[in-house]
Amino acid sequence: PVPAAVAAGEESPVEGGPPDHSYSLSSGTTSEELLRKLNEQRDIIALLEVKMKEMKGSIRRLRLAEAQLREEIREKDRLLHAASAGTRKRHGL
């Protein structure tokens, strides 16, 4: 009988071997290669953190700009409403 994990493709054909994932390392990976891969991953994470901070700053600035624009629209609407009300009174409407 074939173990269920092997039948499902979760393990490599060698019984008890590591899972066969696209990100798995070959059994002959040296410590230098592991260290290089780890450093590459740390560099990528650091870059992503910088980009996230930049994006958060951009979102904050956009929200402030949106709030200012909404306030300007409200003010212009008030002025237009007041002007149209004054025009109606003058014309007896």
PDB file of N, CA and C in Angstrom:
ATOM      1  N   PRO A   1       0.832  -1.200   0.000  1.00  0.00           N
ATOM      2  CA  PRO A   1       0.000   0.000   0.000  1.00  0.00           C
ATOM      3  C   PRO A   1       0.873   1.260   0.000  1.00  0.00           C
ATOM      4  N   VAL A   2       0.424   2.258  -0.753  1.00  0.00           N
ATOM      5  CA  VAL A   2       1.148   3.528  -0.848  1.00  0.00           C
ATOM      6  C   VAL A   2       0.620   4.457   0.234  1.00  0.00           C
ATOM      7  N   PRO A   3       1.534   5.116   0.993  1.00  0.00           N
ATOM      8  CA  PRO A   3       1.061   6.064   2.022  1.00  0.00           C
ATOM      9  C   PRO A   3       0.177   7.138   1.392  1.00  0.00           C
ATOM     10  N   ALA A   4      -0.838   7.591   2.132  1.00  0.00           N
ATOM     11  CA  ALA A   4      -1.798   8.572   1.610  1.00  0.00           C
ATOM     12  C   ALA A   4      -1.114   9.861   1.188  1.00  0.00           C
ATOM     13  N   ALA A   5      -0.102  10.305   1.939  1.00  0.00           N
ATOM     14  CA  ALA A   5       0.593  11.552   1.617  1.00  0.00           C
ATOM     15  C   ALA A   5       1.299  11.432   0.267  1.00  0.00           C
ATOM     16  N   VAL A   6       1.901  10.266  -0.002  1.00  0.00           N
ATOM     17  CA  VAL A   6       2.590  10.065  -1.277  1.00  0.00           C
ATOM     18  C   VAL A   6       1.567  10.001  -2.404  1.00  0.00           C
ATOM     19  N   ALA A   7       0.466   9.300  -2.167  1.00  0.00           N
ATOM     20  CA  ALA A   7      -0.571   9.175  -3.188  1.00  0.00           C
ATOM     21  C   ALA A   7      -1.154  10.538  -3.527  1.00  0.00           C
ATOM     22  N   ALA A   8      -1.247  11.410  -2.538  1.00  0.00           N
ATOM     23  CA  ALA A   8      -1.807  12.746  -2.755  1.00  0.00           C
ATOM     24  C   ALA A   8      -0.767  13.699  -3.326  1.00  0.00           C
ATOM     25  N   GLY A   9       0.471  13.252  -3.476  1.00  0.00           N
ATOM     26  CA  GLY A   9       1.521  14.101  -4.034  1.00  0.00           C
ATOM     27  C   GLY A   9       2.104  15.064  -3.030  1.00  0.00           C
ATOM     28  N   GLU A  10       1.931  14.798  -1.743  1.00  0.00           N
ATOM     29  CA  GLU A  10       2.421  15.702  -0.714  1.00  0.00           C
ATOM     30  C   GLU A  10       3.866  15.422  -0.328  1.00  0.00           C
ATOM     31  N   GLU A  11       4.364  14.277  -0.675  1.00  0.00           N
ATOM     32  CA  GLU A  11       5.757  13.952  -0.358  1.00  0.00           C
ATOM     33  C   GLU A  11       6.459  13.556  -1.634  1.00  0.00           C
ATOM     34  N   SER A  12       7.772  13.663  -1.602  1.00  0.00           N
ATOM     35  CA  SER A  12       8.536  13.225  -2.758  1.00  0.00           C
ATOM     36  C   SER A  12       8.462  11.707  -2.828  1.00  0.00           C
ATOM     37  N   PRO A  13       8.782  11.131  -3.965  1.00  0.00           N
ATOM     38  CA  PRO A  13       8.685   9.676  -4.102  1.00  0.00           C
ATOM     39  C   PRO A  13       9.506   8.908  -3.077  1.00  0.00           C
ATOM     40  N   VAL A  14      10.594   9.501  -2.574  1.00  0.00           N
ATOM     41  CA  VAL A  14      11.384   8.821  -1.556  1.00  0.00           C
ATOM     42  C   VAL A  14      10.612   8.900  -0.246  1.00  0.00           C
ATOM     43  N   GLU A  15      10.280   7.745   0.304  1.00  0.00           N
ATOM     44  CA  GLU A  15       9.471   7.726   1.511  1.00  0.00           C
ATOM     45  C   GLU A  15      10.167   8.463   2.643  1.00  0.00           C
ATOM     46  N   GLY A  16       9.423   9.355   3.301  1.00  0.00           N
ATOM     47  CA  GLY A  16       9.973  10.099   4.422  1.00  0.00           C
ATOM     48  C   GLY A  16      10.771  11.309   3.985  1.00  0.00           C
ATOM     49  N   GLY A  17      10.830  11.583   2.697  1.00  0.00           N
ATOM     50  CA  GLY A  17      11.578  12.735   2.201  1.00  0.00           C
ATOM     51  C   GLY A  17      10.823  14.022   2.455  1.00  0.00           C
ATOM     52  N   PRO A  18      11.476  15.147   2.194  1.00  0.00           N
ATOM     53  CA  PRO A  18      10.815  16.436   2.424  1.00  0.00           C
ATOM     54  C   PRO A  18       9.700  16.652   1.411  1.00  0.00           C
ATOM     55  N   PRO A  19       8.735  17.492   1.751  1.00  0.00           N
ATOM     56  CA  PRO A  19       7.660  17.804   0.795  1.00  0.00           C
ATOM     57  C   PRO A  19       8.249  18.377  -0.490  1.00  0.00           C
ATOM     58  N   ASP A  20       7.620  18.088  -1.608  1.00  0.00           N
ATOM     59  CA  ASP A  20       8.117  18.549  -2.897  1.00  0.00           C
ATOM     60  C   ASP A  20       7.418  19.851  -3.258  1.00  0.00           C
ATOM     61  N   HIS A  21       7.922  20.957  -2.744  1.00  0.00           N
ATOM     62  CA  HIS A  21       7.358  22.275  -3.021  1.00  0.00           C
ATOM     63  C   HIS A  21       8.281  23.015  -3.960  1.00  0.00           C
ATOM     64  N   SER A  22       7.750  23.990  -4.688  1.00  0.00           N
ATOM     65  CA  SER A  22       8.579  24.765  -5.604  1.00  0.00           C
ATOM     66  C   SER A  22       9.623  25.573  -4.844  1.00  0.00           C
ATOM     67  N   TYR A  23       9.372  25.867  -3.565  1.00  0.00           N
ATOM     68  CA  TYR A  23      10.321  26.651  -2.789  1.00  0.00           C
ATOM     69  C   TYR A  23      11.239  25.777  -1.925  1.00  0.00           C
ATOM     70  N   SER A  24      11.115  24.471  -2.042  1.00  0.00           N
ATOM     71  CA  SER A  24      11.970  23.618  -1.220  1.00  0.00           C
ATOM     72  C   SER A  24      13.405  23.648  -1.744  1.00  0.00           C
ATOM     73  N   LEU A  25      14.347  23.377  -0.889  1.00  0.00           N
ATOM     74  CA  LEU A  25      15.758  23.387  -1.247  1.00  0.00           C
ATOM     75  C   LEU A  25      16.227  21.968  -1.509  1.00  0.00           C
ATOM     76  N   SER A  26      17.214  21.849  -2.370  1.00  0.00           N
ATOM     77  CA  SER A  26      17.758  20.513  -2.618  1.00  0.00           C
ATOM     78  C   SER A  26      18.523  20.060  -1.383  1.00  0.00           C
ATOM     79  N   SER A  27      18.680  18.772  -1.243  1.00  0.00           N
ATOM     80  CA  SER A  27      19.338  18.256  -0.039  1.00  0.00           C
ATOM     81  C   SER A  27      20.812  18.648   0.010  1.00  0.00           C
ATOM     82  N   GLY A  28      21.402  19.045  -1.130  1.00  0.00           N
ATOM     83  CA  GLY A  28      22.813  19.426  -1.138  1.00  0.00           C
ATOM     84  C   GLY A  28      23.059  20.908  -0.974  1.00  0.00           C
ATOM     85  N   THR A  29      22.049  21.657  -0.494  1.00  0.00           N
ATOM     86  CA  THR A  29      22.208  23.100  -0.332  1.00  0.00           C
ATOM     87  C   THR A  29      23.236  23.396   0.749  1.00  0.00           C
ATOM     88  N   THR A  30      24.197  24.256   0.398  1.00  0.00           N
ATOM     89  CA  THR A  30      25.265  24.587   1.358  1.00  0.00           C
ATOM     90  C   THR A  30      24.818  25.692   2.297  1.00  0.00           C
ATOM     91  N   SER A  31      25.551  25.856   3.392  1.00  0.00           N
ATOM     92  CA  SER A  31      25.216  26.928   4.327  1.00  0.00           C
ATOM     93  C   SER A  31      25.372  28.295   3.688  1.00  0.00           C
ATOM     94  N   GLU A  32      26.357  28.436   2.775  1.00  0.00           N
ATOM     95  CA  GLU A  32      26.513  29.722   2.091  1.00  0.00           C
ATOM     96  C   GLU A  32      25.285  30.038   1.242  1.00  0.00           C
ATOM     97  N   GLU A  33      24.754  29.013   0.545  1.00  0.00           N
ATOM     98  CA  GLU A  33      23.563  29.218  -0.275  1.00  0.00           C
ATOM     99  C   GLU A  33      22.356  29.566   0.596  1.00  0.00           C
ATOM    100  N   LEU A  34      22.232  28.869   1.715  1.00  0.00           N
ATOM    101  CA  LEU A  34      21.128  29.161   2.636  1.00  0.00           C
ATOM    102  C   LEU A  34      21.230  30.592   3.164  1.00  0.00           C
ATOM    103  N   LEU A  35      22.449  30.999   3.534  1.00  0.00           N
ATOM    104  CA  LEU A  35      22.660  32.347   4.047  1.00  0.00           C
ATOM    105  C   LEU A  35      22.357  33.389   2.976  1.00  0.00           C
ATOM    106  N   ARG A  36      22.752  33.122   1.745  1.00  0.00           N
ATOM    107  CA  ARG A  36      22.494  34.043   0.641  1.00  0.00           C
ATOM    108  C   ARG A  36      20.987  34.172   0.427  1.00  0.00           C
ATOM    109  N   LYS A  37      20.277  33.040   0.414  1.00  0.00           N
ATOM    110  CA  LYS A  37      18.819  33.068   0.234  1.00  0.00           C
ATOM    111  C   LYS A  37      18.140  33.823   1.379  1.00  0.00           C
ATOM    112  N   LEU A  38      18.603  33.599   2.586  1.00  0.00           N
ATOM    113  CA  LEU A  38      18.046  34.291   3.745  1.00  0.00           C
ATOM    114  C   LEU A  38      18.263  35.799   3.629  1.00  0.00           C
ATOM    115  N   ASN A  39      19.472  36.193   3.238  1.00  0.00           N
ATOM    116  CA  ASN A  39      19.764  37.622   3.090  1.00  0.00           C
ATOM    117  C   ASN A  39      18.930  38.246   1.973  1.00  0.00           C
ATOM    118  N   GLU A  40      18.725  37.504   0.893  1.00  0.00           N
ATOM    119  CA  GLU A  40      17.879  38.005  -0.196  1.00  0.00           C
ATOM    120  C   GLU A  40      16.458  38.231   0.312  1.00  0.00           C
ATOM    121  N   GLN A  41      15.953  37.280   1.090  1.00  0.00           N
ATOM    122  CA  GLN A  41      14.599  37.408   1.628  1.00  0.00           C
ATOM    123  C   GLN A  41      14.506  38.585   2.591  1.00  0.00           C
ATOM    124  N   ARG A  42      15.534  38.791   3.404  1.00  0.00           N
ATOM    125  CA  ARG A  42      15.537  39.940   4.327  1.00  0.00           C
ATOM    126  C   ARG A  42      15.545  41.253   3.553  1.00  0.00           C
ATOM    127  N   ASP A  43      16.333  41.299   2.468  1.00  0.00           N
ATOM    128  CA  ASP A  43      16.373  42.514   1.640  1.00  0.00           C
ATOM    129  C   ASP A  43      15.004  42.796   1.039  1.00  0.00           C
ATOM    130  N   ILE A  44      14.347  41.755   0.553  1.00  0.00           N
ATOM    131  CA  ILE A  44      13.019  41.916  -0.045  1.00  0.00           C
ATOM    132  C   ILE A  44      12.029  42.414   1.006  1.00  0.00           C
ATOM    133  N   ILE A  45      12.074  41.840   2.194  1.00  0.00           N
ATOM    134  CA  ILE A  45      11.176  42.255   3.274  1.00  0.00           C
ATOM    135  C   ILE A  45      11.428  43.709   3.647  1.00  0.00           C
ATOM    136  N   ALA A  46      12.697  44.108   3.720  1.00  0.00           N
ATOM    137  CA  ALA A  46      13.027  45.495   4.060  1.00  0.00           C
ATOM    138  C   ALA A  46      12.486  46.449   2.999  1.00  0.00           C
ATOM    139  N   LEU A  47      12.638  46.088   1.726  1.00  0.00           N
ATOM    140  CA  LEU A  47      12.109  46.935   0.647  1.00  0.00           C
ATOM    141  C   LEU A  47      10.590  47.037   0.721  1.00  0.00           C
ATOM    142  N   LEU A  48       9.934  45.918   1.002  1.00  0.00           N
ATOM    143  CA  LEU A  48       8.475  45.926   1.125  1.00  0.00           C
ATOM    144  C   LEU A  48       8.015  46.804   2.291  1.00  0.00           C
ATOM    145  N   GLU A  49       8.746  46.770   3.397  1.00  0.00           N
ATOM    146  CA  GLU A  49       8.392  47.611   4.539  1.00  0.00           C
ATOM    147  C   GLU A  49       8.519  49.088   4.183  1.00  0.00           C
ATOM    148  N   VAL A  50       9.582  49.453   3.454  1.00  0.00           N
ATOM    149  CA  VAL A  50       9.755  50.840   3.020  1.00  0.00           C
ATOM    150  C   VAL A  50       8.598  51.251   2.114  1.00  0.00           C
ATOM    151  N   LYS A  51       8.246  50.390   1.159  1.00  0.00           N
ATOM    152  CA  LYS A  51       7.148  50.700   0.239  1.00  0.00           C
ATOM    153  C   LYS A  51       5.830  50.838   0.996  1.00  0.00           C
ATOM    154  N   MET A  52       5.607  49.988   1.991  1.00  0.00           N
ATOM    155  CA  MET A  52       4.375  50.071   2.776  1.00  0.00           C
ATOM    156  C   MET A  52       4.294  51.405   3.507  1.00  0.00           C
ATOM    157  N   LYS A  53       5.414  51.855   4.086  1.00  0.00           N
ATOM    158  CA  LYS A  53       5.422  53.141   4.787  1.00  0.00           C
ATOM    159  C   LYS A  53       5.138  54.274   3.807  1.00  0.00           C
ATOM    160  N   GLU A  54       5.731  54.198   2.615  1.00  0.00           N
ATOM    161  CA  GLU A  54       5.480  55.222   1.601  1.00  0.00           C
ATOM    162  C   GLU A  54       4.005  55.237   1.214  1.00  0.00           C
ATOM    163  N   MET A  55       3.435  54.058   1.029  1.00  0.00           N
ATOM    164  CA  MET A  55       2.025  53.974   0.641  1.00  0.00           C
ATOM    165  C   MET A  55       1.124  54.507   1.748  1.00  0.00           C
ATOM    166  N   LYS A  56       1.446  54.204   3.004  1.00  0.00           N
ATOM    167  CA  LYS A  56       0.647  54.719   4.118  1.00  0.00           C
ATOM    168  C   LYS A  56       0.695  56.235   4.146  1.00  0.00           C
ATOM    169  N   GLY A  57       1.879  56.818   3.889  1.00  0.00           N
ATOM    170  CA  GLY A  57       2.009  58.272   3.830  1.00  0.00           C
ATOM    171  C   GLY A  57       1.191  58.856   2.701  1.00  0.00           C
ATOM    172  N   SER A  58       1.217  58.190   1.546  1.00  0.00           N
ATOM    173  CA  SER A  58       0.429  58.657   0.393  1.00  0.00           C
ATOM    174  C   SER A  58      -1.062  58.596   0.703  1.00  0.00           C
ATOM    175  N   ILE A  59      -1.488  57.528   1.324  1.00  0.00           N
ATOM    176  CA  ILE A  59      -2.910  57.377   1.677  1.00  0.00           C
ATOM    177  C   ILE A  59      -3.322  58.474   2.649  1.00  0.00           C
ATOM    178  N   ARG A  60      -2.456  58.756   3.621  1.00  0.00           N
ATOM    179  CA  ARG A  60      -2.762  59.806   4.603  1.00  0.00           C
ATOM    180  C   ARG A  60      -2.910  61.159   3.896  1.00  0.00           C
ATOM    181  N   ARG A  61      -1.975  61.477   2.986  1.00  0.00           N
ATOM    182  CA  ARG A  61      -2.042  62.745   2.250  1.00  0.00           C
ATOM    183  C   ARG A  61      -3.300  62.812   1.379  1.00  0.00           C
ATOM    184  N   LEU A  62      -3.645  61.703   0.738  1.00  0.00           N
ATOM    185  CA  LEU A  62      -4.848  61.671  -0.103  1.00  0.00           C
ATOM    186  C   LEU A  62      -6.110  61.876   0.727  1.00  0.00           C
ATOM    187  N   ARG A  63      -6.147  61.294   1.908  1.00  0.00           N
ATOM    188  CA  ARG A  63      -7.321  61.467   2.774  1.00  0.00           C
ATOM    189  C   ARG A  63      -7.467  62.918   3.219  1.00  0.00           C
ATOM    190  N   LEU A  64      -6.322  63.554   3.534  1.00  0.00           N
ATOM    191  CA  LEU A  64      -6.374  64.966   3.923  1.00  0.00           C
ATOM    192  C   LEU A  64      -6.853  65.826   2.759  1.00  0.00           C
ATOM    193  N   ALA A  65      -6.330  65.558   1.570  1.00  0.00           N
ATOM    194  CA  ALA A  65      -6.739  66.312   0.387  1.00  0.00           C
ATOM    195  C   ALA A  65      -8.231  66.105   0.113  1.00  0.00           C
ATOM    196  N   GLU A  66      -8.691  64.874   0.279  1.00  0.00           N
ATOM    197  CA  GLU A  66     -10.118  64.585   0.071  1.00  0.00           C
ATOM    198  C   GLU A  66     -10.976  65.367   1.067  1.00  0.00           C
ATOM    199  N   ALA A  67     -10.567  65.405   2.321  1.00  0.00           N
ATOM    200  CA  ALA A  67     -11.333  66.127   3.338  1.00  0.00           C
ATOM    201  C   ALA A  67     -11.377  67.617   3.017  1.00  0.00           C
ATOM    202  N   GLN A  68     -10.237  68.172   2.558  1.00  0.00           N
ATOM    203  CA  GLN A  68     -10.209  69.593   2.198  1.00  0.00           C
ATOM    204  C   GLN A  68     -11.119  69.870   1.006  1.00  0.00           C
ATOM    205  N   LEU A  69     -11.085  69.011   0.004  1.00  0.00           N
ATOM    206  CA  LEU A  69     -11.947  69.188  -1.168  1.00  0.00           C
ATOM    207  C   LEU A  69     -13.424  69.089  -0.793  1.00  0.00           C
ATOM    208  N   ARG A  70     -13.756  68.148   0.077  1.00  0.00           N
ATOM    209  CA  ARG A  70     -15.151  68.019   0.506  1.00  0.00           C
ATOM    210  C   ARG A  70     -15.610  69.285   1.243  1.00  0.00           C
ATOM    211  N   GLU A  71     -14.722  69.842   2.063  1.00  0.00           N
ATOM    212  CA  GLU A  71     -15.068  71.060   2.786  1.00  0.00           C
ATOM    213  C   GLU A  71     -15.266  72.223   1.814  1.00  0.00           C
ATOM    214  N   GLU A  72     -14.413  72.315   0.798  1.00  0.00           N
ATOM    215  CA  GLU A  72     -14.566  73.358  -0.218  1.00  0.00           C
ATOM    216  C   GLU A  72     -15.900  73.199  -0.951  1.00  0.00           C
ATOM    217  N   ILE A  73     -16.261  71.971  -1.282  1.00  0.00           N
ATOM    218  CA  ILE A  73     -17.535  71.717  -1.964  1.00  0.00           C
ATOM    219  C   ILE A  73     -18.706  72.128  -1.078  1.00  0.00           C
ATOM    220  N   ARG A  74     -18.644  71.776   0.214  1.00  0.00           N
ATOM    221  CA  ARG A  74     -19.727  72.163   1.142  1.00  0.00           C
ATOM    222  C   ARG A  74     -19.863  73.686   1.212  1.00  0.00           C
ATOM    223  N   GLU A  75     -18.710  74.365   1.283  1.00  0.00           N
ATOM    224  CA  GLU A  75     -18.734  75.832   1.360  1.00  0.00           C
ATOM    225  C   GLU A  75     -19.320  76.431   0.083  1.00  0.00           C
ATOM    226  N   LYS A  76     -18.939  75.935  -1.062  1.00  0.00           N
ATOM    227  CA  LYS A  76     -19.474  76.446  -2.328  1.00  0.00           C
ATOM    228  C   LYS A  76     -20.968  76.148  -2.448  1.00  0.00           C
ATOM    229  N   ASP A  77     -21.371  74.969  -1.987  1.00  0.00           N
ATOM    230  CA  ASP A  77     -22.804  74.641  -1.993  1.00  0.00           C
ATOM    231  C   ASP A  77     -23.586  75.613  -1.117  1.00  0.00           C
ATOM    232  N   ARG A  78     -23.037  75.954   0.066  1.00  0.00           N
ATOM    233  CA  ARG A  78     -23.702  76.910   0.959  1.00  0.00           C
ATOM    234  C   ARG A  78     -23.825  78.273   0.279  1.00  0.00           C
ATOM    235  N   LEU A  79     -22.737  78.709  -0.364  1.00  0.00           N
ATOM    236  CA  LEU A  79     -22.767  80.009  -1.041  1.00  0.00           C
ATOM    237  C   LEU A  79     -23.785  80.007  -2.186  1.00  0.00           C
ATOM    238  N   LEU A  80     -23.790  78.917  -2.967  1.00  0.00           N
ATOM    239  CA  LEU A  80     -24.745  78.828  -4.076  1.00  0.00           C
ATOM    240  C   LEU A  80     -26.183  78.819  -3.568  1.00  0.00           C
ATOM    241  N   HIS A  81     -26.417  78.094  -2.493  1.00  0.00           N
ATOM    242  CA  HIS A  81     -27.759  78.017  -1.912  1.00  0.00           C
ATOM    243  C   HIS A  81     -28.188  79.392  -1.403  1.00  0.00           C
ATOM    244  N   ALA A  82     -27.271  80.088  -0.731  1.00  0.00           N
ATOM    245  CA  ALA A  82     -27.585  81.422  -0.213  1.00  0.00           C
ATOM    246  C   ALA A  82     -27.835  82.392  -1.367  1.00  0.00           C
ATOM    247  N   ALA A  83     -27.031  82.292  -2.422  1.00  0.00           N
ATOM    248  CA  ALA A  83     -27.200  83.189  -3.569  1.00  0.00           C
ATOM    249  C   ALA A  83     -28.529  82.921  -4.274  1.00  0.00           C
ATOM    250  N   SER A  84     -28.880  81.653  -4.453  1.00  0.00           N
ATOM    251  CA  SER A  84     -30.131  81.338  -5.142  1.00  0.00           C
ATOM    252  C   SER A  84     -31.332  81.731  -4.284  1.00  0.00           C
ATOM    253  N   ALA A  85     -31.219  81.628  -2.973  1.00  0.00           N
ATOM    254  CA  ALA A  85     -32.309  82.041  -2.081  1.00  0.00           C
ATOM    255  C   ALA A  85     -32.490  83.551  -2.155  1.00  0.00           C
ATOM    256  N   GLY A  86     -31.401  84.289  -2.228  1.00  0.00           N
ATOM    257  CA  GLY A  86     -31.461  85.750  -2.340  1.00  0.00           C
ATOM    258  C   GLY A  86     -32.051  86.173  -3.656  1.00  0.00           C
ATOM    259  N   THR A  87     -31.746  85.483  -4.719  1.00  0.00           N
ATOM    260  CA  THR A  87     -32.281  85.796  -6.050  1.00  0.00           C
ATOM    261  C   THR A  87     -33.775  85.545  -6.062  1.00  0.00           C
ATOM    262  N   ARG A  88     -34.238  84.484  -5.474  1.00  0.00           N
ATOM    263  CA  ARG A  88     -35.680  84.167  -5.443  1.00  0.00           C
ATOM    264  C   ARG A  88     -36.448  85.230  -4.664  1.00  0.00           C
ATOM    265  N   LYS A  89     -35.854  85.716  -3.553  1.00  0.00           N
ATOM    266  CA  LYS A  89     -36.542  86.733  -2.754  1.00  0.00           C
ATOM    267  C   LYS A  89     -36.670  88.026  -3.552  1.00  0.00           C
ATOM    268  N   ARG A  90     -35.617  88.408  -4.267  1.00  0.00           N
ATOM    269  CA  ARG A  90     -35.641  89.659  -5.026  1.00  0.00           C
ATOM    270  C   ARG A  90     -36.669  89.609  -6.159  1.00  0.00           C
ATOM    271  N   HIS A  91     -36.847  88.441  -6.734  1.00  0.00           N
ATOM    272  CA  HIS A  91     -37.778  88.304  -7.848  1.00  0.00           C
ATOM    273  C   HIS A  91     -39.170  87.884  -7.369  1.00  0.00           C
ATOM    274  N   GLY A  92     -39.358  87.792  -6.085  1.00  0.00           N
ATOM    275  CA  GLY A  92     -40.668  87.453  -5.540  1.00  0.00           C
ATOM    276  C   GLY A  92     -41.069  86.014  -5.754  1.00  0.00           C
ATOM    277  N   LEU A  93     -40.137  85.110  -5.841  1.00  0.00           N
ATOM    278  CA  LEU A  93     -40.455  83.694  -6.051  1.00  0.00           C
ATOM    279  C   LEU A  93     -40.589  82.960  -4.752  1.00  0.00           C
TER     280      LEU A  93
END
